[in-house]
């Protein structure tokens, strides 16, 4: 186990390099940052940098990311003497992210520049912790992808705890199944070009094309459904028949307003307010391929 280096060794080491901006021996970094070094030694970065560096920069170890350590060794308390990745660091977020992008470019990160996270000043180190293995993969700052996202997106955590919700908390999917946190062509960082295309990845039977289409279904799934969770069945925005009556008036159909009194427990019980309400008759609400399904009844 490494021990703290005595001052005499540090002073001798200072004379081993000349100009400011020089790289130093990694043992000097480990001498002061012993605890951090012990945690970092188990990470994939440590294994690559120590066992099989792919270039001269990776062979620098700690300084491959933090920059030359000579100035920091001379003035360890001076802000900016080394690149820092903590939230309290004085290094600008753009400079921090540029270091990470030096190795982690392309792929899912093609749309990082200009993305919602990048524009909001999110640093790579806000979601990842390259100095320790808290997660099974990705060197995340929390134990899982979902917990990492929830550290900022608290309202979404609450939505997933509603009565009807996507099975994310049950471990059947993660935030990455729908979103790309490193950037996409959409504001919500969806993995596809539209919300509907994202939903169709799992709900392919709703894609169509249908002989008889339901216009709001083709326009936007979120017109009727909340993507994370709802207190109404099937993640609906509001309960039926109120949901249907937001678009469908009484013209051409006996469709007067259904209220609480028309429910099964009310004085004016009405079949349209009982069970699945409008869907009792219009069962193919997403679209129909039946020749007689113009009203989505079959």
Protein backbone atom coordinates (compact mmCIF):
# COMPACT_ATOMS: atom_id res chain seq x y z
CA UNK A 1 0.00 0.00 0.00
CA UNK A 2 1.25 3.47 -0.85
CA UNK A 3 2.35 5.74 1.96
CA UNK A 4 2.28 9.52 2.06
CA UNK A 5 5.49 10.89 0.61
CA UNK A 6 7.71 12.85 3.01
CA UNK A 7 8.45 16.48 2.18
CA UNK A 8 12.08 15.67 1.45
CA UNK A 9 11.04 13.33 -1.36
CA UNK A 10 8.67 15.93 -2.75
CA UNK A 11 11.36 18.62 -2.79
CA UNK A 12 13.77 16.26 -4.54
CA UNK A 13 11.03 15.45 -7.06
CA UNK A 14 10.41 19.14 -7.71
CA UNK A 15 14.00 19.50 -8.85
CA UNK A 16 13.54 16.62 -11.29
CA UNK A 17 11.54 18.74 -13.72
CA UNK A 18 12.20 22.21 -14.90
CA UNK A 19 9.58 24.33 -16.57
CA UNK A 20 5.98 24.72 -15.48
CA UNK A 21 3.54 22.51 -17.35
CA UNK A 22 5.77 19.41 -17.17
CA UNK A 23 4.42 15.96 -16.40
CA UNK A 24 5.48 14.35 -13.15
CA UNK A 25 5.81 10.80 -11.91
CA UNK A 26 2.40 9.28 -11.13
CA UNK A 27 3.75 8.09 -7.78
CA UNK A 28 3.71 11.72 -6.68
CA UNK A 29 0.00 11.94 -7.45
CA UNK A 30 -0.68 8.73 -5.55
CA UNK A 31 1.41 9.90 -2.62
CA UNK A 32 -1.03 12.72 -1.82
CA UNK A 33 -4.24 11.28 -3.22
CA UNK A 34 -3.91 7.82 -1.69
CA UNK A 35 -7.59 7.10 -1.06
CA UNK A 36 -8.62 8.30 -4.51
CA UNK A 37 -5.90 6.20 -6.11
CA UNK A 38 -7.04 3.06 -4.31
CA UNK A 39 -10.59 3.46 -5.60
CA UNK A 40 -9.45 4.39 -9.11
CA UNK A 41 -7.19 1.34 -9.39
CA UNK A 42 -10.25 -0.92 -9.83
CA UNK A 43 -11.78 1.01 -12.73
CA UNK A 44 -11.61 0.27 -16.44
CA UNK A 45 -9.64 3.49 -16.94
CA UNK A 46 -6.93 2.31 -14.57
CA UNK A 47 -6.71 -1.08 -16.26
CA UNK A 48 -6.32 0.50 -19.69
CA UNK A 49 -3.94 3.27 -18.67
CA UNK A 50 -1.74 1.00 -16.54
CA UNK A 51 -1.83 -2.36 -18.33
CA UNK A 52 -2.30 -1.45 -21.97
CA UNK A 53 -2.12 2.25 -22.83
CA UNK A 54 -2.95 2.84 -26.48
CA UNK A 55 -0.88 5.98 -26.81
CA UNK A 56 1.56 8.20 -24.96
CA UNK A 57 -1.22 10.26 -23.38
CA UNK A 58 -2.92 7.27 -21.75
CA UNK A 59 0.45 6.17 -20.40
CA UNK A 60 0.46 9.39 -18.31
CA UNK A 61 -2.11 7.84 -15.96
CA UNK A 62 -3.74 10.50 -13.78
CA UNK A 63 -2.35 13.29 -15.94
CA UNK A 64 -3.97 11.90 -19.07
CA UNK A 65 -7.19 13.53 -17.85
CA UNK A 66 -6.07 16.07 -15.26
CA UNK A 67 -3.28 17.53 -17.34
CA UNK A 68 0.40 18.05 -16.42
CA UNK A 69 0.84 17.95 -12.65
CA UNK A 70 3.95 20.11 -12.18
CA UNK A 71 2.07 23.34 -11.48
CA UNK A 72 -0.29 21.54 -9.11
CA UNK A 73 2.61 20.05 -7.20
CA UNK A 74 4.21 23.47 -6.86
CA UNK A 75 0.99 25.18 -5.77
CA UNK A 76 -1.57 22.49 -4.81
CA UNK A 77 -4.06 25.00 -3.40
CA UNK A 78 -4.04 27.34 -6.41
CA UNK A 79 -7.22 27.19 -8.44
CA UNK A 80 -6.66 26.11 -12.01
CA UNK A 81 -3.29 24.48 -11.40
CA UNK A 82 -4.82 21.26 -12.71
CA UNK A 83 -8.00 20.22 -14.50
CA UNK A 84 -10.63 19.35 -11.91
CA UNK A 85 -13.85 17.41 -12.51
CA UNK A 86 -15.75 17.95 -9.26
CA UNK A 87 -18.78 20.24 -9.15
CA UNK A 88 -16.81 22.71 -7.05
CA UNK A 89 -13.99 22.71 -9.59
CA UNK A 90 -12.95 26.03 -11.11
CA UNK A 91 -12.35 24.35 -14.47
CA UNK A 92 -15.11 25.39 -16.92
CA UNK A 93 -17.58 22.62 -17.75
CA UNK A 94 -16.78 22.92 -21.46
CA UNK A 95 -13.09 22.27 -20.73
CA UNK A 96 -13.93 19.29 -18.52
CA UNK A 97 -16.11 17.76 -21.21
CA UNK A 98 -13.50 18.40 -23.87
CA UNK A 99 -11.07 16.17 -21.99
CA UNK A 100 -13.60 13.32 -21.95
CA UNK A 101 -14.46 13.87 -25.61
CA UNK A 102 -10.81 13.42 -26.49
CA UNK A 103 -11.33 9.65 -26.10
CA UNK A 104 -15.10 9.27 -25.97
CA UNK A 105 -16.20 10.78 -29.28
CA UNK A 106 -18.53 9.52 -31.97
CA UNK A 107 -21.16 6.83 -31.62
CA UNK A 108 -24.00 7.82 -29.29
CA UNK A 109 -22.19 11.11 -28.58
CA UNK A 110 -22.43 12.49 -32.13
CA UNK A 111 -25.25 14.84 -31.11
CA UNK A 112 -23.75 16.00 -27.81
CA UNK A 113 -22.86 19.47 -29.11
CA UNK A 114 -26.03 21.54 -28.93
CA UNK A 115 -28.00 18.90 -27.05
CA UNK A 116 -30.26 19.75 -24.13
CA UNK A 117 -27.72 18.49 -21.59
CA UNK A 118 -24.79 20.28 -23.20
CA UNK A 119 -26.76 23.52 -23.49
CA UNK A 120 -27.75 23.27 -19.82
CA UNK A 121 -24.12 23.08 -18.71
CA UNK A 122 -24.17 19.43 -17.67
CA UNK A 123 -20.69 18.02 -17.16
CA UNK A 124 -19.73 14.42 -17.92
CA UNK A 125 -18.72 14.12 -14.26
CA UNK A 126 -22.26 15.02 -13.16
CA UNK A 127 -23.39 11.61 -14.40
CA UNK A 128 -20.15 9.63 -14.43
CA UNK A 129 -17.51 9.04 -11.79
CA UNK A 130 -14.35 7.76 -13.50
CA UNK A 131 -12.54 7.54 -10.15
CA UNK A 132 -14.61 4.67 -8.69
CA UNK A 133 -16.91 1.83 -9.68
CA UNK A 134 -20.29 2.62 -8.17
CA UNK A 135 -22.19 0.94 -11.02
CA UNK A 136 -21.84 -2.33 -12.91
CA UNK A 137 -21.06 -0.49 -16.16
CA UNK A 138 -20.47 3.00 -17.48
CA UNK A 139 -18.69 4.32 -14.35
CA UNK A 140 -21.90 6.08 -13.34
CA UNK A 141 -22.14 8.38 -10.35
CA UNK A 142 -24.99 6.25 -8.95
CA UNK A 143 -25.55 2.51 -8.80
CA UNK A 144 -27.79 2.40 -11.89
CA UNK A 145 -28.73 4.37 -14.98
CA UNK A 146 -32.15 5.22 -13.59
CA UNK A 147 -30.83 6.47 -10.25
CA UNK A 148 -28.30 8.62 -12.08
CA UNK A 149 -31.05 10.25 -14.16
CA UNK A 150 -33.33 10.66 -11.13
CA UNK A 151 -30.65 12.64 -9.30
CA UNK A 152 -31.73 15.58 -11.50
CA UNK A 153 -35.10 14.50 -12.89
CA UNK A 154 -37.06 14.25 -9.65
CA UNK A 155 -40.45 14.91 -11.24
CA UNK A 156 -39.98 11.90 -13.50
CA UNK A 157 -39.20 9.76 -10.45
CA UNK A 158 -42.58 10.76 -9.03
CA UNK A 159 -44.36 9.98 -12.31
CA UNK A 160 -42.97 6.45 -12.32
CA UNK A 161 -44.48 5.91 -8.86
CA UNK A 162 -48.02 6.62 -10.04
CA UNK A 163 -50.69 3.90 -10.20
CA UNK A 164 -50.21 3.26 -13.91
CA UNK A 165 -46.60 3.52 -15.04
CA UNK A 166 -44.00 2.13 -17.36
CA UNK A 167 -42.23 -0.84 -15.69
CA UNK A 168 -39.01 1.06 -15.10
CA UNK A 169 -38.89 0.69 -11.31
CA UNK A 170 -39.50 -3.02 -11.76
CA UNK A 171 -36.31 -3.29 -13.81
CA UNK A 172 -37.94 -4.18 -17.14
CA UNK A 173 -36.56 -1.12 -18.90
CA UNK A 174 -34.35 1.89 -18.23
CA UNK A 175 -34.22 5.52 -19.23
CA UNK A 176 -31.80 4.57 -22.02
CA UNK A 177 -34.46 2.49 -23.76
CA UNK A 178 -36.17 5.73 -24.84
CA UNK A 179 -33.58 8.47 -24.34
CA UNK A 180 -29.99 9.08 -25.35
CA UNK A 181 -28.48 11.28 -22.61
CA UNK A 182 -25.49 12.13 -24.80
CA UNK A 183 -27.64 13.91 -27.36
CA UNK A 184 -30.15 13.39 -30.13
CA UNK A 185 -32.02 15.37 -32.76
CA UNK A 186 -34.96 15.98 -30.38
CA UNK A 187 -35.27 18.20 -27.30
CA UNK A 188 -36.28 15.34 -24.97
CA UNK A 189 -33.16 13.46 -26.14
CA UNK A 190 -35.25 10.66 -27.67
CA UNK A 191 -33.39 7.84 -29.39
CA UNK A 192 -35.60 8.20 -32.48
CA UNK A 193 -36.72 11.19 -34.52
CA UNK A 194 -40.23 11.38 -33.02
CA UNK A 195 -42.09 10.34 -29.90
CA UNK A 196 -44.28 7.94 -31.87
CA UNK A 197 -41.26 6.16 -33.36
CA UNK A 198 -39.91 5.73 -29.83
CA UNK A 199 -43.19 4.19 -28.65
CA UNK A 200 -43.34 1.91 -31.71
CA UNK A 201 -40.07 0.26 -30.62
CA UNK A 202 -42.14 -1.70 -28.11
CA UNK A 203 -45.72 -1.10 -29.29
CA UNK A 204 -45.25 -2.15 -32.91
CA UNK A 205 -48.90 -3.23 -33.25
CA UNK A 206 -49.92 0.43 -32.92
CA UNK A 207 -47.73 1.55 -35.82
CA UNK A 208 -50.07 0.71 -38.69
CA UNK A 209 -50.64 1.57 -41.46
CA UNK A 210 -54.35 1.13 -40.88
CA UNK A 211 -57.21 1.17 -43.32
CA UNK A 212 -59.08 3.38 -40.88
CA UNK A 213 -56.76 5.60 -38.89
CA UNK A 214 -57.40 7.55 -35.69
CA UNK A 215 -55.91 11.00 -36.35
CA UNK A 216 -54.51 11.77 -32.86
CA UNK A 217 -52.81 8.35 -32.77
CA UNK A 218 -50.89 9.16 -35.94
CA UNK A 219 -50.05 12.66 -34.70
CA UNK A 220 -48.69 12.12 -31.21
CA UNK A 221 -49.06 9.30 -28.67
CA UNK A 222 -48.72 11.87 -25.87
CA UNK A 223 -52.07 13.44 -26.81
CA UNK A 224 -53.71 10.56 -24.95
CA UNK A 225 -50.91 8.94 -22.93
CA UNK A 226 -48.33 10.18 -20.44
CA UNK A 227 -45.02 8.48 -21.27
CA UNK A 228 -43.78 7.91 -17.71
CA UNK A 229 -46.81 7.37 -15.51
CA UNK A 230 -50.37 8.38 -14.76
CA UNK A 231 -53.00 7.92 -12.08
CA UNK A 232 -55.40 6.80 -14.80
CA UNK A 233 -55.38 3.39 -16.49
CA UNK A 234 -53.06 2.72 -19.42
CA UNK A 235 -51.11 5.90 -18.69
CA UNK A 236 -53.99 8.01 -20.01
CA UNK A 237 -53.85 11.78 -19.70
CA UNK A 238 -57.29 11.76 -18.09
CA UNK A 239 -60.03 9.21 -17.55
CA UNK A 240 -62.43 8.06 -20.24
CA UNK A 241 -64.91 9.28 -21.47
CA UNK A 242 -63.56 12.75 -20.58
CA UNK A 243 -60.47 12.01 -22.65
CA UNK A 244 -62.53 11.22 -25.75
CA UNK A 245 -64.82 14.20 -25.26
CA UNK A 246 -61.89 16.59 -25.43
CA UNK A 247 -62.03 16.08 -29.21
CA UNK A 248 -65.40 14.48 -29.97
CA UNK A 249 -68.46 16.74 -29.71
CA UNK A 250 -72.13 15.75 -29.98
CA UNK A 251 -72.31 16.46 -33.73
CA UNK A 252 -73.40 13.33 -35.58
CA UNK A 253 -73.35 11.20 -32.45
CA UNK A 254 -75.34 10.94 -29.23
CA UNK A 255 -72.40 12.13 -27.21
CA UNK A 256 -73.62 14.48 -24.54
CA UNK A 257 -71.30 15.20 -21.66
CA UNK A 258 -70.86 12.25 -19.31
CA UNK A 259 -70.52 13.26 -15.65
CA UNK A 260 -70.12 11.48 -12.31
CA UNK A 261 -73.88 10.97 -12.17
CA UNK A 262 -73.68 8.77 -15.26
CA UNK A 263 -71.26 6.33 -13.67
CA UNK A 264 -72.35 2.93 -12.37
CA UNK A 265 -72.87 4.34 -8.87
CA UNK A 266 -74.78 7.45 -10.02
CA UNK A 267 -78.49 8.12 -10.41
CA UNK A 268 -78.31 8.43 -14.21
CA UNK A 269 -76.32 5.32 -15.10
CA UNK A 270 -75.20 5.35 -18.71
CA UNK A 271 -73.39 2.56 -20.61
CA UNK A 272 -70.94 5.15 -21.97
CA UNK A 273 -69.80 5.97 -18.46
CA UNK A 274 -69.39 2.38 -17.30
CA UNK A 275 -66.53 -0.01 -17.90
CA UNK A 276 -64.30 1.25 -20.68
CA UNK A 277 -66.86 3.92 -21.66
CA UNK A 278 -66.40 4.94 -25.32
CA UNK A 279 -64.12 1.95 -25.85
CA UNK A 280 -67.00 -0.38 -25.01
CA UNK A 281 -68.04 0.14 -28.64
CA UNK A 282 -65.03 1.76 -30.31
CA UNK A 283 -62.64 -1.03 -29.39
CA UNK A 284 -60.01 -0.40 -32.09
CA UNK A 285 -59.14 3.04 -30.82
CA UNK A 286 -55.64 3.02 -32.38
CA UNK A 287 -56.90 2.10 -35.86
CA UNK A 288 -58.74 -0.61 -37.73
CA UNK A 289 -58.07 -2.73 -40.81
CA UNK A 290 -61.60 -4.14 -40.94
CA UNK A 291 -63.58 -3.14 -44.06
CA UNK A 292 -66.44 -2.06 -41.79
CA UNK A 293 -64.24 -0.42 -39.18
CA UNK A 294 -64.70 3.19 -40.20
CA UNK A 295 -65.87 4.05 -36.68
CA UNK A 296 -63.15 1.88 -35.11
CA UNK A 297 -65.80 -0.51 -33.79
CA UNK A 298 -64.15 -3.65 -35.13
